[in-house]
Amino acid sequence: MEKTVTSMPIKKTLTDYLRLWFKWFLDPVGGFFNKLGITPNAMTILGLLGNAVGAYYLSRGEMLTGGIFVLLMTPIDALDGTMARLRGESGDFGAFVDSVTDRYSELIIYGGLLSYFLSQGETLGGLLVFGAAAGSVLVSYVKARAESLGYDAKIGLLTRVERYLVLAPSLVFRQPLIGLAIIAVFANITALQRIWHVRAQAHAKMKTIVPGARDGKQEM
């Protein structure tokens, strides 16, 4: 008989904890926006547009203004999910739209910074933007790819919320290089952590498969 695969315990991320800690605030605010007739998807798009405005200011070198926009748009990521839950409309498509929009928002912000550094001829800044963007995309991709194969990858030092908590203050205090350097290093480390975590799950799964299963010959 085939053995049952024992799944590894799923760890909570900082995002999960923040949603629990601030539920007392998110639920009333989300309920208020629901009463105004604003849909969760509209709130998601609002966050994207707000980050696009922030990116515009960043491209002009106005780090404080751009950073404030990025900082203000960060809670929107939690509000749209809260609103969907309160409306009883939580679903796969809403989560899909939210995830895709999050990636666009992040890349638009990096695009604004890249535009600024290129206009100033700052090679280091451009390289750090590339490193931060690559790490951020890989963190998301590894998780999505792992989950498509039935594995969990919700771990790591720098998930999306942590990246915003690093980037937004560094922009407000006009120290974008510091924030980008931290993200460039630790986002890529997070991607490697997730790869290693999936590897451990895959190895654990292989140990539970009966001899011959790898070759398509399963014992009866």
N, C-alpha and C. Protein backbone atom coordinates (compact mmCIF):
# COMPACT_ATOMS: atom_id res chain seq x y z
N MET A 1 0.84 -1.20 0.00
CA MET A 1 0.00 0.00 0.00
C MET A 1 0.87 1.25 0.00
N GLU A 2 0.32 2.32 -0.53
CA GLU A 2 1.07 3.57 -0.58
C GLU A 2 0.98 4.27 0.77
N LYS A 3 2.09 4.76 1.24
CA LYS A 3 2.12 5.43 2.52
C LYS A 3 1.55 6.84 2.40
N THR A 4 1.00 7.34 3.50
CA THR A 4 0.46 8.70 3.53
C THR A 4 1.58 9.70 3.70
N VAL A 5 1.59 10.74 2.89
CA VAL A 5 2.61 11.75 2.99
C VAL A 5 2.30 12.68 4.15
N THR A 6 3.25 12.84 5.04
CA THR A 6 3.07 13.73 6.18
C THR A 6 3.53 15.12 5.78
N SER A 7 2.59 16.06 5.77
CA SER A 7 2.94 17.42 5.36
C SER A 7 3.64 18.15 6.49
N MET A 8 4.52 19.06 6.12
CA MET A 8 5.23 19.85 7.10
C MET A 8 4.32 20.94 7.62
N PRO A 9 4.46 21.29 8.91
CA PRO A 9 3.61 22.35 9.47
C PRO A 9 3.80 23.67 8.75
N ILE A 10 2.68 24.38 8.50
CA ILE A 10 2.72 25.65 7.81
C ILE A 10 2.97 26.76 8.81
N LYS A 11 4.03 27.52 8.61
CA LYS A 11 4.36 28.61 9.52
C LYS A 11 3.64 29.88 9.11
N LYS A 12 3.27 30.68 10.10
CA LYS A 12 2.64 31.95 9.83
C LYS A 12 3.70 32.99 9.49
N THR A 13 3.39 33.84 8.52
CA THR A 13 4.29 34.92 8.15
C THR A 13 3.93 36.17 8.95
N LEU A 14 4.77 37.20 8.83
CA LEU A 14 4.47 38.45 9.50
C LEU A 14 3.14 39.02 9.00
N THR A 15 2.85 38.85 7.72
CA THR A 15 1.58 39.31 7.17
C THR A 15 0.41 38.68 7.90
N ASP A 16 0.49 37.37 8.15
CA ASP A 16 -0.58 36.66 8.86
C ASP A 16 -0.76 37.22 10.27
N TYR A 17 0.36 37.44 10.95
CA TYR A 17 0.30 37.96 12.31
C TYR A 17 -0.26 39.38 12.33
N LEU A 18 0.15 40.22 11.37
CA LEU A 18 -0.33 41.59 11.32
C LEU A 18 -1.85 41.64 11.11
N ARG A 19 -2.35 40.74 10.26
CA ARG A 19 -3.80 40.70 10.04
C ARG A 19 -4.54 40.35 11.33
N LEU A 20 -3.95 39.47 12.14
CA LEU A 20 -4.57 39.10 13.42
C LEU A 20 -4.45 40.22 14.44
N TRP A 21 -3.26 40.82 14.54
CA TRP A 21 -3.02 41.86 15.53
C TRP A 21 -3.86 43.11 15.28
N PHE A 22 -4.09 43.42 13.99
CA PHE A 22 -4.80 44.65 13.65
C PHE A 22 -6.23 44.39 13.16
N LYS A 23 -6.74 43.20 13.49
CA LYS A 23 -8.11 42.87 13.10
C LYS A 23 -9.11 43.85 13.71
N TRP A 24 -8.83 44.32 14.91
CA TRP A 24 -9.71 45.27 15.59
C TRP A 24 -9.83 46.58 14.81
N PHE A 25 -8.81 46.90 14.03
CA PHE A 25 -8.81 48.13 13.23
C PHE A 25 -9.29 47.86 11.81
N LEU A 26 -8.81 46.77 11.21
CA LEU A 26 -9.12 46.48 9.81
C LEU A 26 -10.60 46.20 9.59
N ASP A 27 -11.23 45.47 10.51
CA ASP A 27 -12.64 45.10 10.32
C ASP A 27 -13.56 46.33 10.29
N PRO A 28 -13.45 47.26 11.26
CA PRO A 28 -14.32 48.45 11.18
C PRO A 28 -14.06 49.31 9.94
N VAL A 29 -12.77 49.50 9.60
CA VAL A 29 -12.45 50.32 8.43
C VAL A 29 -12.93 49.63 7.15
N GLY A 30 -12.69 48.31 7.06
CA GLY A 30 -13.17 47.57 5.90
C GLY A 30 -14.68 47.61 5.79
N GLY A 31 -15.38 47.51 6.94
CA GLY A 31 -16.83 47.59 6.94
C GLY A 31 -17.32 48.96 6.49
N PHE A 32 -16.59 50.01 6.88
CA PHE A 32 -16.95 51.36 6.47
C PHE A 32 -16.87 51.52 4.96
N PHE A 33 -15.78 51.05 4.35
CA PHE A 33 -15.63 51.16 2.90
C PHE A 33 -16.67 50.30 2.17
N ASN A 34 -17.02 49.16 2.77
CA ASN A 34 -18.07 48.32 2.17
C ASN A 34 -19.39 49.07 2.13
N LYS A 35 -19.70 49.81 3.22
CA LYS A 35 -20.96 50.56 3.28
C LYS A 35 -20.98 51.68 2.25
N LEU A 36 -19.78 52.18 1.89
CA LEU A 36 -19.71 53.22 0.87
C LEU A 36 -19.92 52.67 -0.53
N GLY A 37 -19.95 51.33 -0.63
CA GLY A 37 -20.16 50.71 -1.93
C GLY A 37 -18.88 50.43 -2.70
N ILE A 38 -17.74 50.62 -2.04
CA ILE A 38 -16.45 50.34 -2.69
C ILE A 38 -16.20 48.84 -2.64
N THR A 39 -15.84 48.25 -3.76
CA THR A 39 -15.60 46.81 -3.81
C THR A 39 -14.15 46.50 -3.45
N PRO A 40 -13.88 45.27 -2.99
CA PRO A 40 -12.50 44.89 -2.68
C PRO A 40 -11.55 45.06 -3.87
N ASN A 41 -12.02 44.70 -5.07
CA ASN A 41 -11.17 44.85 -6.25
C ASN A 41 -10.89 46.32 -6.57
N ALA A 42 -11.88 47.17 -6.31
CA ALA A 42 -11.67 48.61 -6.51
C ALA A 42 -10.62 49.13 -5.54
N MET A 43 -10.64 48.61 -4.30
CA MET A 43 -9.64 49.00 -3.31
C MET A 43 -8.25 48.53 -3.75
N THR A 44 -8.18 47.33 -4.32
CA THR A 44 -6.91 46.81 -4.83
C THR A 44 -6.35 47.72 -5.92
N ILE A 45 -7.21 48.12 -6.87
CA ILE A 45 -6.79 49.01 -7.96
C ILE A 45 -6.38 50.37 -7.41
N LEU A 46 -7.09 50.84 -6.38
CA LEU A 46 -6.74 52.12 -5.75
C LEU A 46 -5.32 52.07 -5.20
N GLY A 47 -4.97 50.94 -4.58
CA GLY A 47 -3.61 50.79 -4.07
C GLY A 47 -2.58 50.83 -5.19
N LEU A 48 -2.91 50.18 -6.32
CA LEU A 48 -2.01 50.19 -7.47
C LEU A 48 -1.82 51.61 -8.01
N LEU A 49 -2.92 52.35 -8.13
CA LEU A 49 -2.83 53.72 -8.64
C LEU A 49 -2.05 54.62 -7.69
N GLY A 50 -2.27 54.43 -6.38
CA GLY A 50 -1.53 55.21 -5.40
C GLY A 50 -0.04 54.96 -5.47
N ASN A 51 0.34 53.71 -5.65
CA ASN A 51 1.76 53.39 -5.79
C ASN A 51 2.33 53.93 -7.09
N ALA A 52 1.49 53.99 -8.14
CA ALA A 52 1.94 54.56 -9.42
C ALA A 52 2.23 56.05 -9.26
N VAL A 53 1.38 56.74 -8.50
CA VAL A 53 1.62 58.16 -8.23
C VAL A 53 2.91 58.32 -7.43
N GLY A 54 3.09 57.45 -6.44
CA GLY A 54 4.32 57.48 -5.64
C GLY A 54 5.54 57.24 -6.51
N ALA A 55 5.44 56.30 -7.44
CA ALA A 55 6.56 56.00 -8.34
C ALA A 55 6.89 57.20 -9.22
N TYR A 56 5.87 57.95 -9.61
CA TYR A 56 6.10 59.15 -10.42
C TYR A 56 6.97 60.15 -9.65
N TYR A 57 6.63 60.37 -8.39
CA TYR A 57 7.42 61.29 -7.58
C TYR A 57 8.84 60.75 -7.34
N LEU A 58 8.94 59.45 -7.18
CA LEU A 58 10.27 58.86 -6.99
C LEU A 58 11.13 59.06 -8.23
N SER A 59 10.51 58.95 -9.40
CA SER A 59 11.27 59.13 -10.65
C SER A 59 11.79 60.54 -10.79
N ARG A 60 11.15 61.49 -10.09
CA ARG A 60 11.59 62.88 -10.11
C ARG A 60 12.57 63.19 -8.98
N GLY A 61 12.86 62.18 -8.18
CA GLY A 61 13.80 62.38 -7.07
C GLY A 61 13.15 62.91 -5.82
N GLU A 62 11.82 63.02 -5.81
CA GLU A 62 11.10 63.51 -4.64
C GLU A 62 10.81 62.32 -3.71
N MET A 63 11.85 61.88 -3.00
CA MET A 63 11.78 60.66 -2.20
C MET A 63 10.77 60.76 -1.06
N LEU A 64 10.70 61.91 -0.41
CA LEU A 64 9.78 62.06 0.72
C LEU A 64 8.33 61.90 0.27
N THR A 65 7.95 62.63 -0.77
CA THR A 65 6.57 62.55 -1.26
C THR A 65 6.25 61.15 -1.78
N GLY A 66 7.17 60.60 -2.57
CA GLY A 66 6.96 59.25 -3.08
C GLY A 66 6.88 58.24 -1.97
N GLY A 67 7.76 58.38 -0.97
CA GLY A 67 7.77 57.45 0.16
C GLY A 67 6.48 57.52 0.96
N ILE A 68 5.91 58.72 1.11
CA ILE A 68 4.65 58.87 1.84
C ILE A 68 3.52 58.14 1.10
N PHE A 69 3.50 58.26 -0.23
CA PHE A 69 2.49 57.55 -1.01
C PHE A 69 2.64 56.04 -0.83
N VAL A 70 3.87 55.54 -0.91
CA VAL A 70 4.11 54.11 -0.73
C VAL A 70 3.68 53.67 0.66
N LEU A 71 4.00 54.48 1.66
CA LEU A 71 3.66 54.17 3.04
C LEU A 71 2.15 54.13 3.24
N LEU A 72 1.44 55.08 2.65
CA LEU A 72 -0.01 55.14 2.80
C LEU A 72 -0.73 54.02 2.06
N MET A 73 -0.14 53.55 0.97
CA MET A 73 -0.79 52.50 0.18
C MET A 73 -0.59 51.11 0.77
N THR A 74 0.38 50.95 1.64
CA THR A 74 0.69 49.63 2.20
C THR A 74 -0.51 48.99 2.91
N PRO A 75 -1.26 49.72 3.75
CA PRO A 75 -2.41 49.08 4.43
C PRO A 75 -3.52 48.64 3.48
N ILE A 76 -3.54 49.19 2.26
CA ILE A 76 -4.57 48.81 1.29
C ILE A 76 -4.52 47.31 1.02
N ASP A 77 -3.31 46.75 1.07
CA ASP A 77 -3.13 45.32 0.81
C ASP A 77 -3.91 44.48 1.79
N ALA A 78 -4.01 44.96 3.03
CA ALA A 78 -4.77 44.22 4.05
C ALA A 78 -6.26 44.54 3.97
N LEU A 79 -6.59 45.77 3.58
CA LEU A 79 -7.99 46.19 3.57
C LEU A 79 -8.83 45.45 2.52
N ASP A 80 -8.25 45.25 1.32
CA ASP A 80 -9.06 44.60 0.28
C ASP A 80 -9.44 43.18 0.68
N GLY A 81 -8.50 42.47 1.30
CA GLY A 81 -8.81 41.12 1.77
C GLY A 81 -9.84 41.12 2.89
N THR A 82 -9.71 42.08 3.79
CA THR A 82 -10.66 42.21 4.89
C THR A 82 -12.06 42.51 4.37
N MET A 83 -12.13 43.44 3.41
CA MET A 83 -13.42 43.80 2.82
C MET A 83 -14.09 42.60 2.15
N ALA A 84 -13.29 41.80 1.42
CA ALA A 84 -13.84 40.62 0.75
C ALA A 84 -14.37 39.62 1.77
N ARG A 85 -13.63 39.45 2.86
CA ARG A 85 -14.06 38.51 3.91
C ARG A 85 -15.36 38.97 4.56
N LEU A 86 -15.47 40.27 4.86
CA LEU A 86 -16.67 40.80 5.50
C LEU A 86 -17.89 40.71 4.58
N ARG A 87 -17.64 40.79 3.27
CA ARG A 87 -18.74 40.70 2.30
C ARG A 87 -19.08 39.25 1.96
N GLY A 88 -18.27 38.31 2.46
CA GLY A 88 -18.47 36.92 2.13
C GLY A 88 -18.14 36.60 0.70
N GLU A 89 -17.20 37.38 0.14
CA GLU A 89 -16.85 37.22 -1.27
C GLU A 89 -15.41 36.76 -1.47
N SER A 90 -14.80 36.24 -0.41
CA SER A 90 -13.43 35.76 -0.55
C SER A 90 -13.41 34.60 -1.54
N GLY A 91 -12.54 34.68 -2.51
CA GLY A 91 -12.48 33.62 -3.52
C GLY A 91 -11.14 33.58 -4.20
N ASP A 92 -10.95 32.57 -5.04
CA ASP A 92 -9.68 32.38 -5.72
C ASP A 92 -9.36 33.52 -6.67
N PHE A 93 -10.38 34.00 -7.40
CA PHE A 93 -10.09 35.05 -8.39
C PHE A 93 -9.69 36.35 -7.70
N GLY A 94 -10.36 36.67 -6.60
CA GLY A 94 -10.01 37.88 -5.86
C GLY A 94 -8.59 37.81 -5.34
N ALA A 95 -8.21 36.63 -4.82
CA ALA A 95 -6.85 36.45 -4.33
C ALA A 95 -5.85 36.54 -5.48
N PHE A 96 -6.24 36.01 -6.64
CA PHE A 96 -5.38 36.07 -7.83
C PHE A 96 -5.14 37.52 -8.25
N VAL A 97 -6.23 38.30 -8.33
CA VAL A 97 -6.12 39.71 -8.71
C VAL A 97 -5.24 40.46 -7.71
N ASP A 98 -5.44 40.19 -6.43
CA ASP A 98 -4.67 40.85 -5.38
C ASP A 98 -3.19 40.57 -5.54
N SER A 99 -2.84 39.30 -5.77
CA SER A 99 -1.43 38.92 -5.89
C SER A 99 -0.78 39.55 -7.12
N VAL A 100 -1.49 39.51 -8.25
CA VAL A 100 -0.93 40.08 -9.48
C VAL A 100 -0.76 41.59 -9.33
N THR A 101 -1.74 42.25 -8.72
CA THR A 101 -1.66 43.70 -8.52
C THR A 101 -0.52 44.06 -7.58
N ASP A 102 -0.31 43.23 -6.56
CA ASP A 102 0.82 43.46 -5.64
C ASP A 102 2.15 43.46 -6.38
N ARG A 103 2.30 42.52 -7.32
CA ARG A 103 3.55 42.44 -8.08
C ARG A 103 3.71 43.68 -8.95
N TYR A 104 2.63 44.09 -9.60
CA TYR A 104 2.69 45.29 -10.43
C TYR A 104 3.05 46.51 -9.59
N SER A 105 2.43 46.63 -8.42
CA SER A 105 2.69 47.79 -7.55
C SER A 105 4.16 47.85 -7.18
N GLU A 106 4.70 46.71 -6.80
CA GLU A 106 6.10 46.67 -6.37
C GLU A 106 7.03 47.01 -7.52
N LEU A 107 6.77 46.45 -8.68
CA LEU A 107 7.64 46.70 -9.83
C LEU A 107 7.52 48.13 -10.33
N ILE A 108 6.33 48.71 -10.22
CA ILE A 108 6.16 50.11 -10.62
C ILE A 108 6.99 51.02 -9.72
N ILE A 109 7.01 50.72 -8.43
CA ILE A 109 7.83 51.51 -7.50
C ILE A 109 9.31 51.39 -7.86
N TYR A 110 9.76 50.16 -8.12
CA TYR A 110 11.16 49.97 -8.53
C TYR A 110 11.44 50.67 -9.85
N GLY A 111 10.44 50.67 -10.73
CA GLY A 111 10.61 51.35 -12.01
C GLY A 111 10.83 52.84 -11.82
N GLY A 112 10.07 53.45 -10.90
CA GLY A 112 10.26 54.87 -10.62
C GLY A 112 11.65 55.17 -10.09
N LEU A 113 12.12 54.32 -9.19
CA LEU A 113 13.47 54.49 -8.64
C LEU A 113 14.54 54.29 -9.72
N LEU A 114 14.33 53.28 -10.57
CA LEU A 114 15.29 53.03 -11.64
C LEU A 114 15.38 54.22 -12.59
N SER A 115 14.22 54.78 -12.91
CA SER A 115 14.19 55.95 -13.79
C SER A 115 15.00 57.10 -13.19
N TYR A 116 14.84 57.30 -11.90
CA TYR A 116 15.58 58.39 -11.24
C TYR A 116 17.09 58.13 -11.27
N PHE A 117 17.49 56.92 -10.89
CA PHE A 117 18.92 56.63 -10.84
C PHE A 117 19.57 56.70 -12.23
N LEU A 118 18.85 56.26 -13.25
CA LEU A 118 19.38 56.34 -14.61
C LEU A 118 19.54 57.80 -15.04
N SER A 119 18.58 58.63 -14.66
CA SER A 119 18.66 60.05 -15.05
C SER A 119 19.83 60.75 -14.35
N GLN A 120 20.22 60.20 -13.18
CA GLN A 120 21.33 60.79 -12.42
C GLN A 120 22.66 60.12 -12.73
N GLY A 121 22.62 59.09 -13.57
CA GLY A 121 23.85 58.36 -13.89
C GLY A 121 24.40 57.57 -12.71
N GLU A 122 23.53 57.16 -11.77
CA GLU A 122 23.96 56.41 -10.59
C GLU A 122 23.88 54.91 -10.88
N THR A 123 25.01 54.34 -11.25
CA THR A 123 25.06 52.92 -11.59
C THR A 123 24.73 52.04 -10.40
N LEU A 124 25.27 52.39 -9.23
CA LEU A 124 25.01 51.59 -8.03
C LEU A 124 23.52 51.53 -7.73
N GLY A 125 22.86 52.66 -7.81
CA GLY A 125 21.42 52.69 -7.56
C GLY A 125 20.66 51.80 -8.52
N GLY A 126 21.02 51.84 -9.79
CA GLY A 126 20.38 51.00 -10.80
C GLY A 126 20.57 49.52 -10.51
N LEU A 127 21.79 49.16 -10.12
CA LEU A 127 22.08 47.76 -9.81
C LEU A 127 21.31 47.28 -8.58
N LEU A 128 21.20 48.15 -7.59
CA LEU A 128 20.45 47.78 -6.38
C LEU A 128 18.97 47.62 -6.67
N VAL A 129 18.44 48.48 -7.55
CA VAL A 129 17.04 48.34 -7.96
C VAL A 129 16.84 46.99 -8.64
N PHE A 130 17.76 46.64 -9.53
CA PHE A 130 17.66 45.34 -10.22
C PHE A 130 17.69 44.20 -9.21
N GLY A 131 18.64 44.25 -8.27
CA GLY A 131 18.75 43.19 -7.27
C GLY A 131 17.51 43.08 -6.41
N ALA A 132 16.96 44.23 -6.01
CA ALA A 132 15.75 44.23 -5.18
C ALA A 132 14.55 43.70 -5.96
N ALA A 133 14.41 44.13 -7.21
CA ALA A 133 13.30 43.68 -8.04
C ALA A 133 13.39 42.18 -8.33
N ALA A 134 14.60 41.72 -8.64
CA ALA A 134 14.80 40.30 -8.93
C ALA A 134 14.46 39.45 -7.70
N GLY A 135 14.95 39.87 -6.54
CA GLY A 135 14.67 39.12 -5.32
C GLY A 135 13.19 39.10 -5.00
N SER A 136 12.53 40.25 -5.16
CA SER A 136 11.10 40.34 -4.86
C SER A 136 10.29 39.43 -5.77
N VAL A 137 10.60 39.44 -7.05
CA VAL A 137 9.88 38.59 -8.00
C VAL A 137 10.12 37.12 -7.71
N LEU A 138 11.36 36.76 -7.38
CA LEU A 138 11.69 35.37 -7.11
C LEU A 138 11.00 34.86 -5.84
N VAL A 139 10.90 35.72 -4.83
CA VAL A 139 10.21 35.32 -3.60
C VAL A 139 8.77 34.92 -3.94
N SER A 140 8.12 35.74 -4.75
CA SER A 140 6.74 35.47 -5.15
C SER A 140 6.65 34.25 -6.06
N TYR A 141 7.57 34.17 -7.03
CA TYR A 141 7.51 33.06 -8.00
C TYR A 141 7.74 31.71 -7.33
N VAL A 142 8.73 31.64 -6.45
CA VAL A 142 9.04 30.37 -5.78
C VAL A 142 7.82 29.88 -5.00
N LYS A 143 7.15 30.80 -4.30
CA LYS A 143 5.95 30.43 -3.54
C LYS A 143 4.85 29.93 -4.46
N ALA A 144 4.59 30.66 -5.54
CA ALA A 144 3.53 30.27 -6.47
C ALA A 144 3.83 28.93 -7.13
N ARG A 145 5.08 28.74 -7.54
CA ARG A 145 5.46 27.49 -8.20
C ARG A 145 5.40 26.32 -7.22
N ALA A 146 5.83 26.56 -5.99
CA ALA A 146 5.79 25.50 -4.97
C ALA A 146 4.35 25.07 -4.70
N GLU A 147 3.47 26.06 -4.55
CA GLU A 147 2.07 25.75 -4.24
C GLU A 147 1.39 25.03 -5.40
N SER A 148 1.82 25.34 -6.64
CA SER A 148 1.24 24.65 -7.79
C SER A 148 1.61 23.17 -7.80
N LEU A 149 2.71 22.83 -7.10
CA LEU A 149 3.16 21.44 -7.01
C LEU A 149 2.73 20.78 -5.71
N GLY A 150 1.97 21.51 -4.89
CA GLY A 150 1.46 20.94 -3.65
C GLY A 150 2.35 21.13 -2.44
N TYR A 151 3.32 22.03 -2.53
CA TYR A 151 4.22 22.30 -1.40
C TYR A 151 3.90 23.65 -0.78
N ASP A 152 4.36 23.84 0.45
CA ASP A 152 4.19 25.11 1.13
C ASP A 152 5.50 25.89 1.08
N ALA A 153 5.41 27.20 0.88
CA ALA A 153 6.63 28.02 0.84
C ALA A 153 6.41 29.37 1.51
N LYS A 154 5.52 29.42 2.51
CA LYS A 154 5.24 30.68 3.19
C LYS A 154 6.21 30.91 4.34
N ILE A 155 7.48 31.01 4.01
CA ILE A 155 8.49 31.27 5.03
C ILE A 155 9.46 32.32 4.48
N GLY A 156 10.40 32.75 5.31
CA GLY A 156 11.46 33.62 4.82
C GLY A 156 11.57 34.92 5.59
N LEU A 157 12.74 35.53 5.49
CA LEU A 157 13.05 36.74 6.21
C LEU A 157 12.30 37.96 5.69
N LEU A 158 12.17 38.05 4.36
CA LEU A 158 11.66 39.29 3.77
C LEU A 158 10.52 39.00 2.79
N THR A 159 9.33 38.78 3.34
CA THR A 159 8.15 38.65 2.48
C THR A 159 7.69 40.05 2.09
N ARG A 160 6.56 40.15 1.43
CA ARG A 160 6.15 41.44 0.86
C ARG A 160 6.00 42.53 1.92
N VAL A 161 5.35 42.23 3.02
CA VAL A 161 5.14 43.25 4.05
C VAL A 161 6.46 43.76 4.60
N GLU A 162 7.38 42.83 4.88
CA GLU A 162 8.69 43.24 5.39
C GLU A 162 9.43 44.12 4.39
N ARG A 163 9.28 43.81 3.10
CA ARG A 163 9.96 44.61 2.09
C ARG A 163 9.42 46.04 2.09
N TYR A 164 8.11 46.19 2.24
CA TYR A 164 7.52 47.53 2.30
C TYR A 164 7.93 48.25 3.57
N LEU A 165 8.04 47.51 4.68
CA LEU A 165 8.44 48.12 5.95
C LEU A 165 9.90 48.59 5.90
N VAL A 166 10.68 48.00 5.01
CA VAL A 166 12.06 48.45 4.82
C VAL A 166 12.10 49.60 3.81
N LEU A 167 11.40 49.44 2.69
CA LEU A 167 11.50 50.40 1.59
C LEU A 167 10.86 51.75 1.92
N ALA A 168 9.63 51.73 2.43
CA ALA A 168 8.91 52.99 2.66
C ALA A 168 9.66 53.94 3.59
N PRO A 169 10.12 53.49 4.78
CA PRO A 169 10.87 54.41 5.64
C PRO A 169 12.17 54.91 5.01
N SER A 170 12.84 54.04 4.25
CA SER A 170 14.10 54.47 3.62
C SER A 170 13.84 55.57 2.60
N LEU A 171 12.67 55.54 1.97
CA LEU A 171 12.31 56.60 1.02
C LEU A 171 11.94 57.89 1.75
N VAL A 172 11.13 57.74 2.82
CA VAL A 172 10.71 58.92 3.59
C VAL A 172 11.90 59.66 4.17
N PHE A 173 12.91 58.89 4.62
CA PHE A 173 14.11 59.50 5.20
C PHE A 173 15.20 59.76 4.15
N ARG A 174 14.82 59.64 2.88
CA ARG A 174 15.70 59.95 1.75
C ARG A 174 16.98 59.11 1.76
N GLN A 175 16.83 57.84 2.09
CA GLN A 175 17.95 56.91 2.07
C GLN A 175 17.59 55.68 1.23
N PRO A 176 17.22 55.89 -0.03
CA PRO A 176 16.75 54.77 -0.85
C PRO A 176 17.80 53.69 -1.08
N LEU A 177 19.07 54.08 -1.15
CA LEU A 177 20.12 53.08 -1.39
C LEU A 177 20.21 52.08 -0.26
N ILE A 178 20.01 52.56 0.97
CA ILE A 178 20.07 51.65 2.13
C ILE A 178 18.92 50.65 2.06
N GLY A 179 17.71 51.17 1.83
CA GLY A 179 16.55 50.28 1.74
C GLY A 179 16.68 49.28 0.61
N LEU A 180 17.13 49.75 -0.55
CA LEU A 180 17.28 48.85 -1.69
C LEU A 180 18.35 47.79 -1.46
N ALA A 181 19.43 48.18 -0.80
CA ALA A 181 20.50 47.23 -0.51
C ALA A 181 20.01 46.11 0.41
N ILE A 182 19.24 46.50 1.44
CA ILE A 182 18.69 45.50 2.36
C ILE A 182 17.77 44.54 1.63
N ILE A 183 16.91 45.09 0.79
CA ILE A 183 15.97 44.24 0.05
C ILE A 183 16.70 43.36 -0.96
N ALA A 184 17.67 43.95 -1.67
CA ALA A 184 18.42 43.19 -2.69
C ALA A 184 19.09 41.96 -2.08
N VAL A 185 19.62 42.11 -0.87
CA VAL A 185 20.31 40.99 -0.22
C VAL A 185 19.30 40.01 0.38
N PHE A 186 18.41 40.52 1.22
CA PHE A 186 17.57 39.62 2.01
C PHE A 186 16.37 39.07 1.25
N ALA A 187 15.92 39.74 0.19
CA ALA A 187 14.85 39.16 -0.63
C ALA A 187 15.38 37.93 -1.36
N ASN A 188 16.60 38.04 -1.86
CA ASN A 188 17.18 36.87 -2.54
C ASN A 188 17.50 35.74 -1.56
N ILE A 189 17.88 36.09 -0.34
CA ILE A 189 18.07 35.08 0.69
C ILE A 189 16.73 34.40 1.00
N THR A 190 15.66 35.19 1.03
CA THR A 190 14.33 34.63 1.28
C THR A 190 13.94 33.65 0.19
N ALA A 191 14.23 33.99 -1.06
CA ALA A 191 13.94 33.07 -2.17
C ALA A 191 14.69 31.76 -1.99
N LEU A 192 15.97 31.85 -1.58
CA LEU A 192 16.77 30.64 -1.34
C LEU A 192 16.22 29.85 -0.16
N GLN A 193 15.76 30.55 0.89
CA GLN A 193 15.14 29.86 2.02
C GLN A 193 13.93 29.05 1.56
N ARG A 194 13.13 29.65 0.72
CA ARG A 194 11.93 28.96 0.24
C ARG A 194 12.28 27.77 -0.65
N ILE A 195 13.30 27.94 -1.47
CA ILE A 195 13.75 26.82 -2.31
C ILE A 195 14.21 25.66 -1.43
N TRP A 196 14.98 25.98 -0.39
CA TRP A 196 15.48 24.94 0.52
C TRP A 196 14.33 24.28 1.27
N HIS A 197 13.32 25.07 1.64
CA HIS A 197 12.15 24.55 2.36
C HIS A 197 11.38 23.58 1.47
N VAL A 198 11.21 23.93 0.21
CA VAL A 198 10.52 23.05 -0.73
C VAL A 198 11.34 21.78 -0.96
N ARG A 199 12.65 21.94 -1.04
CA ARG A 199 13.54 20.77 -1.21
C ARG A 199 13.36 19.79 -0.05
N ALA A 200 13.27 20.32 1.16
CA ALA A 200 13.09 19.46 2.34
C ALA A 200 11.76 18.71 2.26
N GLN A 201 10.72 19.40 1.81
CA GLN A 201 9.41 18.76 1.67
C GLN A 201 9.44 17.68 0.59
N ALA A 202 10.12 17.99 -0.51
CA ALA A 202 10.20 17.01 -1.61
C ALA A 202 10.95 15.76 -1.17
N HIS A 203 12.04 15.96 -0.40
CA HIS A 203 12.80 14.81 0.09
C HIS A 203 11.98 14.00 1.08
N ALA A 204 11.22 14.69 1.95
CA ALA A 204 10.38 13.98 2.91
C ALA A 204 9.30 13.18 2.19
N LYS A 205 8.77 13.75 1.11
CA LYS A 205 7.75 13.06 0.34
C LYS A 205 8.31 11.83 -0.35
N MET A 206 9.53 11.93 -0.88
CA MET A 206 10.15 10.81 -1.57
C MET A 206 10.37 9.63 -0.63
N LYS A 207 10.66 9.94 0.64
CA LYS A 207 10.92 8.87 1.61
C LYS A 207 9.67 8.06 1.92
N THR A 208 8.51 8.65 1.66
CA THR A 208 7.25 7.95 1.94
C THR A 208 6.74 7.14 0.76
N ILE A 209 7.40 7.31 -0.39
CA ILE A 209 6.96 6.58 -1.59
C ILE A 209 7.53 5.18 -1.57
N VAL A 210 6.73 4.21 -1.89
CA VAL A 210 7.16 2.81 -1.85
C VAL A 210 8.20 2.56 -2.92
N PRO A 211 9.08 1.56 -2.73
CA PRO A 211 10.11 1.25 -3.72
C PRO A 211 9.50 0.99 -5.10
N GLY A 212 10.12 1.56 -6.11
CA GLY A 212 9.67 1.36 -7.48
C GLY A 212 8.74 2.44 -7.98
N ALA A 213 8.26 3.30 -7.05
CA ALA A 213 7.31 4.34 -7.48
C ALA A 213 7.95 5.34 -8.41
N ARG A 214 9.27 5.61 -8.22
CA ARG A 214 9.96 6.56 -9.09
C ARG A 214 9.95 6.11 -10.54
N ASP A 215 9.95 4.79 -10.73
CA ASP A 215 9.99 4.27 -12.10
C ASP A 215 8.59 3.99 -12.63
N GLY A 216 7.57 4.42 -11.87
CA GLY A 216 6.22 4.17 -12.32
C GLY A 216 5.75 2.78 -12.00
N LYS A 217 6.51 2.02 -11.17
CA LYS A 217 6.13 0.66 -10.79
C LYS A 217 5.79 0.65 -9.31
N GLN A 218 4.53 0.76 -8.97
CA GLN A 218 4.12 0.83 -7.58
C GLN A 218 3.68 -0.56 -7.12
N GLU A 219 4.18 -0.95 -5.96
CA GLU A 219 3.82 -2.25 -5.42
C GLU A 219 2.37 -2.26 -4.99
N MET A 220 1.73 -3.41 -5.09
CA MET A 220 0.34 -3.58 -4.66
C MET A 220 0.33 -4.21 -3.27
